């Protein structure tokens, strides 16, 4: 989340870039997941 904000990106923009909704990004940003998925890696990239 901090890295996203440093780039000036909104959740919706990152979601569009990696093909997921804001809810999925919200869950990642609050730590509501327990395995590294392709979505998490795409967010990091």
ModelCIF file with pLDDT and N, C-alpha, C, O atoms, coordinates in Angstrom:
data_MODEL
#
_entry.id   MODEL 
#
_entity.id                         1 
_entity.type                       polymer 
_entity.pdbx_number_of_molecules   1 
#
_entity_poly.entity_id                      1 
_entity_poly.type                           'polypeptide(L)' 
_entity_poly.nstd_linkage                   no 
_entity_poly.nstd_monomer                   no 
_entity_poly.pdbx_seq_one_letter_code       
;(UNK)(UNK)(UNK)(UNK)(UNK)(UNK)(UNK)(UNK)(UNK)(UNK)(UNK)(UNK)(UNK)(UNK)(UNK)(UNK)
(UNK)(UNK)(UNK)(UNK)(UNK)(UNK)(UNK)(UNK)(UNK)(UNK)(UNK)(UNK)(UNK)(UNK)(UNK)(UNK)
(UNK)(UNK)(UNK)(UNK)(UNK)(UNK)(UNK)(UNK)(UNK)(UNK)(UNK)(UNK)(UNK)
;
_entity_poly.pdbx_seq_one_letter_code_can   XXXXXXXXXXXXXXXXXXXXXXXXXXXXXXXXXXXXXXXXXXXXX 
_entity_poly.pdbx_strand_id                 A 
#
loop_
_entity_poly_seq.entity_id 
_entity_poly_seq.num 
_entity_poly_seq.mon_id 
_entity_poly_seq.hetero 
1 1  UNK n 
1 2  UNK n 
1 3  UNK n 
1 4  UNK n 
1 5  UNK n 
1 6  UNK n 
1 7  UNK n 
1 8  UNK n 
1 9  UNK n 
1 10 UNK n 
1 11 UNK n 
1 12 UNK n 
1 13 UNK n 
1 14 UNK n 
1 15 UNK n 
1 16 UNK n 
1 17 UNK n 
1 18 UNK n 
1 19 UNK n 
1 20 UNK n 
1 21 UNK n 
1 22 UNK n 
1 23 UNK n 
1 24 UNK n 
1 25 UNK n 
1 26 UNK n 
1 27 UNK n 
1 28 UNK n 
1 29 UNK n 
1 30 UNK n 
1 31 UNK n 
1 32 UNK n 
1 33 UNK n 
1 34 UNK n 
1 35 UNK n 
1 36 UNK n 
1 37 UNK n 
1 38 UNK n 
1 39 UNK n 
1 40 UNK n 
1 41 UNK n 
1 42 UNK n 
1 43 UNK n 
1 44 UNK n 
1 45 UNK n 
#
_struct_asym.id          A 
_struct_asym.entity_id   1 
#
loop_
_ma_qa_metric.id 
_ma_qa_metric.mode 
_ma_qa_metric.name 
_ma_qa_metric.software_group_id 
_ma_qa_metric.type 
1 global pLDDT . pLDDT 
2 local  pLDDT . pLDDT 
#
_ma_qa_metric_global.metric_id      1 
_ma_qa_metric_global.metric_value   88.04 
_ma_qa_metric_global.model_id       1 
_ma_qa_metric_global.ordinal_id     1 
#
loop_
_ma_qa_metric_local.label_asym_id 
_ma_qa_metric_local.label_comp_id 
_ma_qa_metric_local.label_seq_id 
_ma_qa_metric_local.metric_id 
_ma_qa_metric_local.metric_value 
_ma_qa_metric_local.model_id 
_ma_qa_metric_local.ordinal_id 
A UNK 1  2 94.00 1 1  
A UNK 2  2 92.00 1 2  
A UNK 3  2 89.00 1 3  
A UNK 4  2 86.00 1 4  
A UNK 5  2 87.00 1 5  
A UNK 6  2 82.00 1 6  
A UNK 7  2 79.00 1 7  
A UNK 8  2 79.00 1 8  
A UNK 9  2 82.00 1 9  
A UNK 10 2 85.00 1 10 
A UNK 11 2 89.00 1 11 
A UNK 12 2 86.00 1 12 
A UNK 13 2 84.00 1 13 
A UNK 14 2 85.00 1 14 
A UNK 15 2 85.00 1 15 
A UNK 16 2 82.00 1 16 
A UNK 17 2 80.00 1 17 
A UNK 18 2 82.00 1 18 
A UNK 19 2 81.00 1 19 
A UNK 20 2 86.00 1 20 
A UNK 21 2 88.00 1 21 
A UNK 22 2 89.00 1 22 
A UNK 23 2 91.00 1 23 
A UNK 24 2 91.00 1 24 
A UNK 25 2 92.00 1 25 
A UNK 26 2 94.00 1 26 
A UNK 27 2 94.00 1 27 
A UNK 28 2 95.00 1 28 
A UNK 29 2 95.00 1 29 
A UNK 30 2 95.00 1 30 
A UNK 31 2 94.00 1 31 
A UNK 32 2 93.00 1 32 
A UNK 33 2 89.00 1 33 
A UNK 34 2 89.00 1 34 
A UNK 35 2 91.00 1 35 
A UNK 36 2 92.00 1 36 
A UNK 37 2 90.00 1 37 
A UNK 38 2 87.00 1 38 
A UNK 39 2 89.00 1 39 
A UNK 40 2 92.00 1 40 
A UNK 41 2 89.00 1 41 
A UNK 42 2 86.00 1 42 
A UNK 43 2 88.00 1 43 
A UNK 44 2 89.00 1 44 
A UNK 45 2 85.00 1 45 
#
loop_
_atom_site.group_PDB 
_atom_site.id 
_atom_site.type_symbol 
_atom_site.label_atom_id 
_atom_site.label_alt_id 
_atom_site.label_comp_id 
_atom_site.label_asym_id 
_atom_site.label_entity_id 
_atom_site.label_seq_id 
_atom_site.pdbx_PDB_ins_code 
_atom_site.Cartn_x 
_atom_site.Cartn_y 
_atom_site.Cartn_z 
_atom_site.occupancy 
_atom_site.B_iso_or_equiv 
_atom_site.pdbx_formal_charge 
_atom_site.auth_seq_id 
_atom_site.auth_comp_id 
_atom_site.auth_asym_id 
_atom_site.auth_atom_id 
_atom_site.pdbx_PDB_model_num 
ATOM 1   N N  . UNK A 1 1  ? 0.838   -1.206  0.000   1.00 94.00 ? 1  UNK A N  1 
ATOM 2   C CA . UNK A 1 1  ? 0.000   0.000   0.000   1.00 94.00 ? 1  UNK A CA 1 
ATOM 3   C C  . UNK A 1 1  ? 0.870   1.252   0.000   1.00 94.00 ? 1  UNK A C  1 
ATOM 4   O O  . UNK A 1 1  ? 0.606   2.185   -0.758  1.00 94.00 ? 1  UNK A O  1 
ATOM 5   N N  . UNK A 1 2  ? 1.896   1.283   0.833   1.00 92.00 ? 2  UNK A N  1 
ATOM 6   C CA . UNK A 1 2  ? 2.788   2.448   0.902   1.00 92.00 ? 2  UNK A CA 1 
ATOM 7   C C  . UNK A 1 2  ? 3.493   2.665   -0.437  1.00 92.00 ? 2  UNK A C  1 
ATOM 8   O O  . UNK A 1 2  ? 3.638   3.803   -0.884  1.00 92.00 ? 2  UNK A O  1 
ATOM 9   N N  . UNK A 1 3  ? 3.931   1.580   -1.077  1.00 89.00 ? 3  UNK A N  1 
ATOM 10  C CA . UNK A 1 3  ? 4.599   1.701   -2.377  1.00 89.00 ? 3  UNK A CA 1 
ATOM 11  C C  . UNK A 1 3  ? 3.633   2.226   -3.429  1.00 89.00 ? 3  UNK A C  1 
ATOM 12  O O  . UNK A 1 3  ? 4.008   3.050   -4.263  1.00 89.00 ? 3  UNK A O  1 
ATOM 13  N N  . UNK A 1 4  ? 2.375   1.747   -3.394  1.00 86.00 ? 4  UNK A N  1 
ATOM 14  C CA . UNK A 1 4  ? 1.352   2.221   -4.327  1.00 86.00 ? 4  UNK A CA 1 
ATOM 15  C C  . UNK A 1 4  ? 1.115   3.711   -4.139  1.00 86.00 ? 4  UNK A C  1 
ATOM 16  O O  . UNK A 1 4  ? 1.068   4.470   -5.107  1.00 86.00 ? 4  UNK A O  1 
ATOM 17  N N  . UNK A 1 5  ? 0.969   4.118   -2.897  1.00 87.00 ? 5  UNK A N  1 
ATOM 18  C CA . UNK A 1 5  ? 0.715   5.529   -2.600  1.00 87.00 ? 5  UNK A CA 1 
ATOM 19  C C  . UNK A 1 5  ? 1.910   6.401   -2.990  1.00 87.00 ? 5  UNK A C  1 
ATOM 20  O O  . UNK A 1 5  ? 1.734   7.525   -3.459  1.00 87.00 ? 5  UNK A O  1 
ATOM 21  N N  . UNK A 1 6  ? 3.124   5.881   -2.793  1.00 82.00 ? 6  UNK A N  1 
ATOM 22  C CA . UNK A 1 6  ? 4.323   6.630   -3.198  1.00 82.00 ? 6  UNK A CA 1 
ATOM 23  C C  . UNK A 1 6  ? 4.334   6.906   -4.700  1.00 82.00 ? 6  UNK A C  1 
ATOM 24  O O  . UNK A 1 6  ? 4.855   7.929   -5.144  1.00 82.00 ? 6  UNK A O  1 
ATOM 25  N N  . UNK A 1 7  ? 3.756   5.989   -5.481  1.00 79.00 ? 7  UNK A N  1 
ATOM 26  C CA . UNK A 1 7  ? 3.671   6.180   -6.929  1.00 79.00 ? 7  UNK A CA 1 
ATOM 27  C C  . UNK A 1 7  ? 2.488   7.068   -7.323  1.00 79.00 ? 7  UNK A C  1 
ATOM 28  O O  . UNK A 1 7  ? 2.339   7.440   -8.487  1.00 79.00 ? 7  UNK A O  1 
ATOM 29  N N  . UNK A 1 8  ? 1.649   7.404   -6.334  1.00 79.00 ? 8  UNK A N  1 
ATOM 30  C CA . UNK A 1 8  ? 0.480   8.226   -6.624  1.00 79.00 ? 8  UNK A CA 1 
ATOM 31  C C  . UNK A 1 8  ? -0.638  7.442   -7.286  1.00 79.00 ? 8  UNK A C  1 
ATOM 32  O O  . UNK A 1 8  ? -1.468  8.015   -7.991  1.00 79.00 ? 8  UNK A O  1 
ATOM 33  N N  . UNK A 1 9  ? -0.664  6.128   -7.064  1.00 82.00 ? 9  UNK A N  1 
ATOM 34  C CA . UNK A 1 9  ? -1.688  5.283   -7.677  1.00 82.00 ? 9  UNK A CA 1 
ATOM 35  C C  . UNK A 1 9  ? -2.812  5.002   -6.696  1.00 82.00 ? 9  UNK A C  1 
ATOM 36  O O  . UNK A 1 9  ? -2.581  4.819   -5.500  1.00 82.00 ? 9  UNK A O  1 
ATOM 37  N N  . UNK A 1 10 ? -4.038  4.970   -7.220  1.00 85.00 ? 10 UNK A N  1 
ATOM 38  C CA . UNK A 1 10 ? -5.206  4.584   -6.438  1.00 85.00 ? 10 UNK A CA 1 
ATOM 39  C C  . UNK A 1 10 ? -5.391  3.073   -6.560  1.00 85.00 ? 10 UNK A C  1 
ATOM 40  O O  . UNK A 1 10 ? -4.879  2.455   -7.494  1.00 85.00 ? 10 UNK A O  1 
ATOM 41  N N  . UNK A 1 11 ? -6.123  2.481   -5.617  1.00 89.00 ? 11 UNK A N  1 
ATOM 42  C CA . UNK A 1 11 ? -6.400  1.043   -5.683  1.00 89.00 ? 11 UNK A CA 1 
ATOM 43  C C  . UNK A 1 11 ? -7.030  0.676   -7.024  1.00 89.00 ? 11 UNK A C  1 
ATOM 44  O O  . UNK A 1 11 ? -6.646  -0.317  -7.643  1.00 89.00 ? 11 UNK A O  1 
ATOM 45  N N  . UNK A 1 12 ? -7.978  1.462   -7.464  1.00 86.00 ? 12 UNK A N  1 
ATOM 46  C CA . UNK A 1 12 ? -8.671  1.168   -8.716  1.00 86.00 ? 12 UNK A CA 1 
ATOM 47  C C  . UNK A 1 12 ? -7.693  1.125   -9.888  1.00 86.00 ? 12 UNK A C  1 
ATOM 48  O O  . UNK A 1 12 ? -7.822  0.273   -10.767 1.00 86.00 ? 12 UNK A O  1 
ATOM 49  N N  . UNK A 1 13 ? -6.730  2.021   -9.908  1.00 84.00 ? 13 UNK A N  1 
ATOM 50  C CA . UNK A 1 13 ? -5.753  2.055   -11.001 1.00 84.00 ? 13 UNK A CA 1 
ATOM 51  C C  . UNK A 1 13 ? -4.881  0.809   -10.996 1.00 84.00 ? 13 UNK A C  1 
ATOM 52  O O  . UNK A 1 13 ? -4.634  0.222   -12.049 1.00 84.00 ? 13 UNK A O  1 
ATOM 53  N N  . UNK A 1 14 ? -4.414  0.401   -9.825  1.00 85.00 ? 14 UNK A N  1 
ATOM 54  C CA . UNK A 1 14 ? -3.602  -0.815  -9.732  1.00 85.00 ? 14 UNK A CA 1 
ATOM 55  C C  . UNK A 1 14 ? -4.451  -2.018  -10.123 1.00 85.00 ? 14 UNK A C  1 
ATOM 56  O O  . UNK A 1 14 ? -3.985  -2.914  -10.826 1.00 85.00 ? 14 UNK A O  1 
ATOM 57  N N  . UNK A 1 15 ? -5.695  -2.033  -9.666  1.00 85.00 ? 15 UNK A N  1 
ATOM 58  C CA . UNK A 1 15 ? -6.594  -3.130  -10.016 1.00 85.00 ? 15 UNK A CA 1 
ATOM 59  C C  . UNK A 1 15 ? -6.765  -3.264  -11.518 1.00 85.00 ? 15 UNK A C  1 
ATOM 60  O O  . UNK A 1 15 ? -6.752  -4.373  -12.051 1.00 85.00 ? 15 UNK A O  1 
ATOM 61  N N  . UNK A 1 16 ? -6.926  -2.136  -12.204 1.00 82.00 ? 16 UNK A N  1 
ATOM 62  C CA . UNK A 1 16 ? -7.060  -2.160  -13.664 1.00 82.00 ? 16 UNK A CA 1 
ATOM 63  C C  . UNK A 1 16 ? -5.780  -2.668  -14.324 1.00 82.00 ? 16 UNK A C  1 
ATOM 64  O O  . UNK A 1 16 ? -5.830  -3.404  -15.309 1.00 82.00 ? 16 UNK A O  1 
ATOM 65  N N  . UNK A 1 17 ? -4.639  -2.271  -13.777 1.00 80.00 ? 17 UNK A N  1 
ATOM 66  C CA . UNK A 1 17 ? -3.358  -2.695  -14.347 1.00 80.00 ? 17 UNK A CA 1 
ATOM 67  C C  . UNK A 1 17 ? -3.137  -4.194  -14.219 1.00 80.00 ? 17 UNK A C  1 
ATOM 68  O O  . UNK A 1 17 ? -2.574  -4.818  -15.118 1.00 80.00 ? 17 UNK A O  1 
ATOM 69  N N  . UNK A 1 18 ? -3.578  -4.780  -13.104 1.00 82.00 ? 18 UNK A N  1 
ATOM 70  C CA . UNK A 1 18 ? -3.309  -6.211  -12.895 1.00 82.00 ? 18 UNK A CA 1 
ATOM 71  C C  . UNK A 1 18 ? -4.551  -7.089  -13.058 1.00 82.00 ? 18 UNK A C  1 
ATOM 72  O O  . UNK A 1 18 ? -4.478  -8.309  -12.912 1.00 82.00 ? 18 UNK A O  1 
ATOM 73  N N  . UNK A 1 19 ? -5.681  -6.467  -13.358 1.00 81.00 ? 19 UNK A N  1 
ATOM 74  C CA . UNK A 1 19 ? -6.881  -7.232  -13.680 1.00 81.00 ? 19 UNK A CA 1 
ATOM 75  C C  . UNK A 1 19 ? -7.661  -7.771  -12.496 1.00 81.00 ? 19 UNK A C  1 
ATOM 76  O O  . UNK A 1 19 ? -8.229  -8.860  -12.579 1.00 81.00 ? 19 UNK A O  1 
ATOM 77  N N  . UNK A 1 20 ? -7.701  -7.024  -11.387 1.00 86.00 ? 20 UNK A N  1 
ATOM 78  C CA . UNK A 1 20 ? -8.509  -7.430  -10.231 1.00 86.00 ? 20 UNK A CA 1 
ATOM 79  C C  . UNK A 1 20 ? -9.293  -6.240  -9.720  1.00 86.00 ? 20 UNK A C  1 
ATOM 80  O O  . UNK A 1 20 ? -9.008  -5.097  -10.081 1.00 86.00 ? 20 UNK A O  1 
ATOM 81  N N  . UNK A 1 21 ? -10.269 -6.504  -8.889  1.00 88.00 ? 21 UNK A N  1 
ATOM 82  C CA . UNK A 1 21 ? -11.091 -5.445  -8.322  1.00 88.00 ? 21 UNK A CA 1 
ATOM 83  C C  . UNK A 1 21 ? -10.463 -4.817  -7.088  1.00 88.00 ? 21 UNK A C  1 
ATOM 84  O O  . UNK A 1 21 ? -9.484  -5.323  -6.541  1.00 88.00 ? 21 UNK A O  1 
ATOM 85  N N  . UNK A 1 22 ? -11.052 -3.696  -6.658  1.00 89.00 ? 22 UNK A N  1 
ATOM 86  C CA . UNK A 1 22 ? -10.549 -2.997  -5.474  1.00 89.00 ? 22 UNK A CA 1 
ATOM 87  C C  . UNK A 1 22 ? -10.646 -3.862  -4.226  1.00 89.00 ? 22 UNK A C  1 
ATOM 88  O O  . UNK A 1 22 ? -9.810  -3.750  -3.329  1.00 89.00 ? 22 UNK A O  1 
ATOM 89  N N  . UNK A 1 23 ? -11.655 -4.722  -4.159  1.00 91.00 ? 23 UNK A N  1 
ATOM 90  C CA . UNK A 1 23 ? -11.810 -5.586  -2.980  1.00 91.00 ? 23 UNK A CA 1 
ATOM 91  C C  . UNK A 1 23 ? -10.617 -6.515  -2.793  1.00 91.00 ? 23 UNK A C  1 
ATOM 92  O O  . UNK A 1 23 ? -10.154 -6.728  -1.672  1.00 91.00 ? 23 UNK A O  1 
ATOM 93  N N  . UNK A 1 24 ? -10.125 -7.065  -3.899  1.00 91.00 ? 24 UNK A N  1 
ATOM 94  C CA . UNK A 1 24 ? -8.953  -7.947  -3.818  1.00 91.00 ? 24 UNK A CA 1 
ATOM 95  C C  . UNK A 1 24 ? -7.732  -7.168  -3.338  1.00 91.00 ? 24 UNK A C  1 
ATOM 96  O O  . UNK A 1 24 ? -6.946  -7.665  -2.531  1.00 91.00 ? 24 UNK A O  1 
ATOM 97  N N  . UNK A 1 25 ? -7.579  -5.939  -3.842  1.00 92.00 ? 25 UNK A N  1 
ATOM 98  C CA . UNK A 1 25 ? -6.441  -5.123  -3.408  1.00 92.00 ? 25 UNK A CA 1 
ATOM 99  C C  . UNK A 1 25 ? -6.581  -4.725  -1.945  1.00 92.00 ? 25 UNK A C  1 
ATOM 100 O O  . UNK A 1 25 ? -5.597  -4.702  -1.206  1.00 92.00 ? 25 UNK A O  1 
ATOM 101 N N  . UNK A 1 26 ? -7.792  -4.416  -1.530  1.00 94.00 ? 26 UNK A N  1 
ATOM 102 C CA . UNK A 1 26 ? -8.030  -4.063  -0.128  1.00 94.00 ? 26 UNK A CA 1 
ATOM 103 C C  . UNK A 1 26 ? -7.626  -5.229  0.768   1.00 94.00 ? 26 UNK A C  1 
ATOM 104 O O  . UNK A 1 26 ? -6.961  -5.033  1.786   1.00 94.00 ? 26 UNK A O  1 
ATOM 105 N N  . UNK A 1 27 ? -8.025  -6.435  0.392   1.00 94.00 ? 27 UNK A N  1 
ATOM 106 C CA . UNK A 1 27 ? -7.672  -7.611  1.192   1.00 94.00 ? 27 UNK A CA 1 
ATOM 107 C C  . UNK A 1 27 ? -6.161  -7.796  1.276   1.00 94.00 ? 27 UNK A C  1 
ATOM 108 O O  . UNK A 1 27 ? -5.635  -8.152  2.330   1.00 94.00 ? 27 UNK A O  1 
ATOM 109 N N  . UNK A 1 28 ? -5.474  -7.559  0.184   1.00 95.00 ? 28 UNK A N  1 
ATOM 110 C CA . UNK A 1 28 ? -4.013  -7.667  0.196   1.00 95.00 ? 28 UNK A CA 1 
ATOM 111 C C  . UNK A 1 28 ? -3.449  -6.600  1.135   1.00 95.00 ? 28 UNK A C  1 
ATOM 112 O O  . UNK A 1 28 ? -2.589  -6.896  1.964   1.00 95.00 ? 28 UNK A O  1 
ATOM 113 N N  . UNK A 1 29 ? -3.922  -5.378  1.008   1.00 95.00 ? 29 UNK A N  1 
ATOM 114 C CA . UNK A 1 29 ? -3.359  -4.272  1.777   1.00 95.00 ? 29 UNK A CA 1 
ATOM 115 C C  . UNK A 1 29 ? -3.614  -4.374  3.280   1.00 95.00 ? 29 UNK A C  1 
ATOM 116 O O  . UNK A 1 29 ? -2.854  -3.815  4.070   1.00 95.00 ? 29 UNK A O  1 
ATOM 117 N N  . UNK A 1 30 ? -4.666  -5.077  3.685   1.00 95.00 ? 30 UNK A N  1 
ATOM 118 C CA . UNK A 1 30 ? -4.906  -5.249  5.127   1.00 95.00 ? 30 UNK A CA 1 
ATOM 119 C C  . UNK A 1 30 ? -4.354  -6.583  5.632   1.00 95.00 ? 30 UNK A C  1 
ATOM 120 O O  . UNK A 1 30 ? -4.474  -6.895  6.817   1.00 95.00 ? 30 UNK A O  1 
ATOM 121 N N  . UNK A 1 31 ? -3.759  -7.361  4.749   1.00 94.00 ? 31 UNK A N  1 
ATOM 122 C CA . UNK A 1 31 ? -3.161  -8.627  5.162   1.00 94.00 ? 31 UNK A CA 1 
ATOM 123 C C  . UNK A 1 31 ? -4.146  -9.759  5.308   1.00 94.00 ? 31 UNK A C  1 
ATOM 124 O O  . UNK A 1 31 ? -3.874  -10.727 6.018   1.00 94.00 ? 31 UNK A O  1 
ATOM 125 N N  . UNK A 1 32 ? -5.304  -9.660  4.642   1.00 93.00 ? 32 UNK A N  1 
ATOM 126 C CA . UNK A 1 32 ? -6.339  -10.689 4.732   1.00 93.00 ? 32 UNK A CA 1 
ATOM 127 C C  . UNK A 1 32 ? -6.124  -11.768 3.674   1.00 93.00 ? 32 UNK A C  1 
ATOM 128 O O  . UNK A 1 32 ? -7.019  -12.062 2.881   1.00 93.00 ? 32 UNK A O  1 
ATOM 129 N N  . UNK A 1 33 ? -4.937  -12.349 3.673   1.00 89.00 ? 33 UNK A N  1 
ATOM 130 C CA . UNK A 1 33 ? -4.603  -13.449 2.779   1.00 89.00 ? 33 UNK A CA 1 
ATOM 131 C C  . UNK A 1 33 ? -3.499  -14.254 3.444   1.00 89.00 ? 33 UNK A C  1 
ATOM 132 O O  . UNK A 1 33 ? -2.843  -13.765 4.364   1.00 89.00 ? 33 UNK A O  1 
ATOM 133 N N  . UNK A 1 34 ? -3.288  -15.471 2.995   1.00 89.00 ? 34 UNK A N  1 
ATOM 134 C CA . UNK A 1 34 ? -2.311  -16.319 3.686   1.00 89.00 ? 34 UNK A CA 1 
ATOM 135 C C  . UNK A 1 34 ? -1.408  -17.103 2.744   1.00 89.00 ? 34 UNK A C  1 
ATOM 136 O O  . UNK A 1 34 ? -0.741  -18.053 3.154   1.00 89.00 ? 34 UNK A O  1 
ATOM 137 N N  . UNK A 1 35 ? -1.393  -16.697 1.478   1.00 91.00 ? 35 UNK A N  1 
ATOM 138 C CA . UNK A 1 35 ? -0.451  -17.323 0.548   1.00 91.00 ? 35 UNK A CA 1 
ATOM 139 C C  . UNK A 1 35 ? -0.132  -16.329 -0.562  1.00 91.00 ? 35 UNK A C  1 
ATOM 140 O O  . UNK A 1 35 ? -0.926  -15.446 -0.887  1.00 91.00 ? 35 UNK A O  1 
ATOM 141 N N  . UNK A 1 36 ? 1.037   -16.499 -1.120  1.00 92.00 ? 36 UNK A N  1 
ATOM 142 C CA . UNK A 1 36 ? 1.462   -15.614 -2.196  1.00 92.00 ? 36 UNK A CA 1 
ATOM 143 C C  . UNK A 1 36 ? 0.829   -16.114 -3.489  1.00 92.00 ? 36 UNK A C  1 
ATOM 144 O O  . UNK A 1 36 ? 1.070   -17.239 -3.926  1.00 92.00 ? 36 UNK A O  1 
ATOM 145 N N  . UNK A 1 37 ? 0.021   -15.260 -4.081  1.00 90.00 ? 37 UNK A N  1 
ATOM 146 C CA . UNK A 1 37 ? -0.685  -15.607 -5.319  1.00 90.00 ? 37 UNK A CA 1 
ATOM 147 C C  . UNK A 1 37 ? -0.081  -14.827 -6.484  1.00 90.00 ? 37 UNK A C  1 
ATOM 148 O O  . UNK A 1 37 ? 0.696   -13.897 -6.268  1.00 90.00 ? 37 UNK A O  1 
ATOM 149 N N  . UNK A 1 38 ? -0.431  -15.197 -7.712  1.00 87.00 ? 38 UNK A N  1 
ATOM 150 C CA . UNK A 1 38 ? 0.016   -14.392 -8.850  1.00 87.00 ? 38 UNK A CA 1 
ATOM 151 C C  . UNK A 1 38 ? -0.448  -12.932 -8.749  1.00 87.00 ? 38 UNK A C  1 
ATOM 152 O O  . UNK A 1 38 ? 0.244   -12.033 -9.226  1.00 87.00 ? 38 UNK A O  1 
ATOM 153 N N  . UNK A 1 39 ? -1.598  -12.695 -8.140  1.00 89.00 ? 39 UNK A N  1 
ATOM 154 C CA . UNK A 1 39 ? -2.091  -11.330 -7.972  1.00 89.00 ? 39 UNK A CA 1 
ATOM 155 C C  . UNK A 1 39 ? -1.167  -10.534 -7.053  1.00 89.00 ? 39 UNK A C  1 
ATOM 156 O O  . UNK A 1 39 ? -0.865  -9.373  -7.330  1.00 89.00 ? 39 UNK A O  1 
ATOM 157 N N  . UNK A 1 40 ? -0.721  -11.149 -5.972  1.00 92.00 ? 40 UNK A N  1 
ATOM 158 C CA . UNK A 1 40 ? 0.189   -10.462 -5.044  1.00 92.00 ? 40 UNK A CA 1 
ATOM 159 C C  . UNK A 1 40 ? 1.498   -10.137 -5.764  1.00 92.00 ? 40 UNK A C  1 
ATOM 160 O O  . UNK A 1 40 ? 2.031   -9.037  -5.621  1.00 92.00 ? 40 UNK A O  1 
ATOM 161 N N  . UNK A 1 41 ? 2.007   -11.078 -6.527  1.00 89.00 ? 41 UNK A N  1 
ATOM 162 C CA . UNK A 1 41 ? 3.265   -10.842 -7.254  1.00 89.00 ? 41 UNK A CA 1 
ATOM 163 C C  . UNK A 1 41 ? 3.072   -9.753  -8.330  1.00 89.00 ? 41 UNK A C  1 
ATOM 164 O O  . UNK A 1 41 ? 3.960   -8.928  -8.542  1.00 89.00 ? 41 UNK A O  1 
ATOM 165 N N  . UNK A 1 42 ? 1.913   -9.754  -9.003  1.00 86.00 ? 42 UNK A N  1 
ATOM 166 C CA . UNK A 1 42 ? 1.642   -8.720  -10.008 1.00 86.00 ? 42 UNK A CA 1 
ATOM 167 C C  . UNK A 1 42 ? 1.564   -7.342  -9.348  1.00 86.00 ? 42 UNK A C  1 
ATOM 168 O O  . UNK A 1 42 ? 2.054   -6.356  -9.897  1.00 86.00 ? 42 UNK A O  1 
ATOM 169 N N  . UNK A 1 43 ? 0.948   -7.284  -8.175  1.00 88.00 ? 43 UNK A N  1 
ATOM 170 C CA . UNK A 1 43 ? 0.869   -6.025  -7.433  1.00 88.00 ? 43 UNK A CA 1 
ATOM 171 C C  . UNK A 1 43 ? 2.291   -5.532  -7.132  1.00 88.00 ? 43 UNK A C  1 
ATOM 172 O O  . UNK A 1 43 ? 2.607   -4.360  -7.335  1.00 88.00 ? 43 UNK A O  1 
ATOM 173 N N  . UNK A 1 44 ? 3.132   -6.432  -6.651  1.00 89.00 ? 44 UNK A N  1 
ATOM 174 C CA . UNK A 1 44 ? 4.510   -6.067  -6.312  1.00 89.00 ? 44 UNK A CA 1 
ATOM 175 C C  . UNK A 1 44 ? 5.261   -5.549  -7.542  1.00 89.00 ? 44 UNK A C  1 
ATOM 176 O O  . UNK A 1 44 ? 5.969   -4.545  -7.458  1.00 89.00 ? 44 UNK A O  1 
ATOM 177 N N  . UNK A 1 45 ? 5.111   -6.222  -8.668  1.00 85.00 ? 45 UNK A N  1 
ATOM 178 C CA . UNK A 1 45 ? 5.779   -5.765  -9.898  1.00 85.00 ? 45 UNK A CA 1 
ATOM 179 C C  . UNK A 1 45 ? 5.259   -4.393  -10.325 1.00 85.00 ? 45 UNK A C  1 
ATOM 180 O O  . UNK A 1 45 ? 5.705   -3.851  -11.336 1.00 85.00 ? 45 UNK A O  1 
#
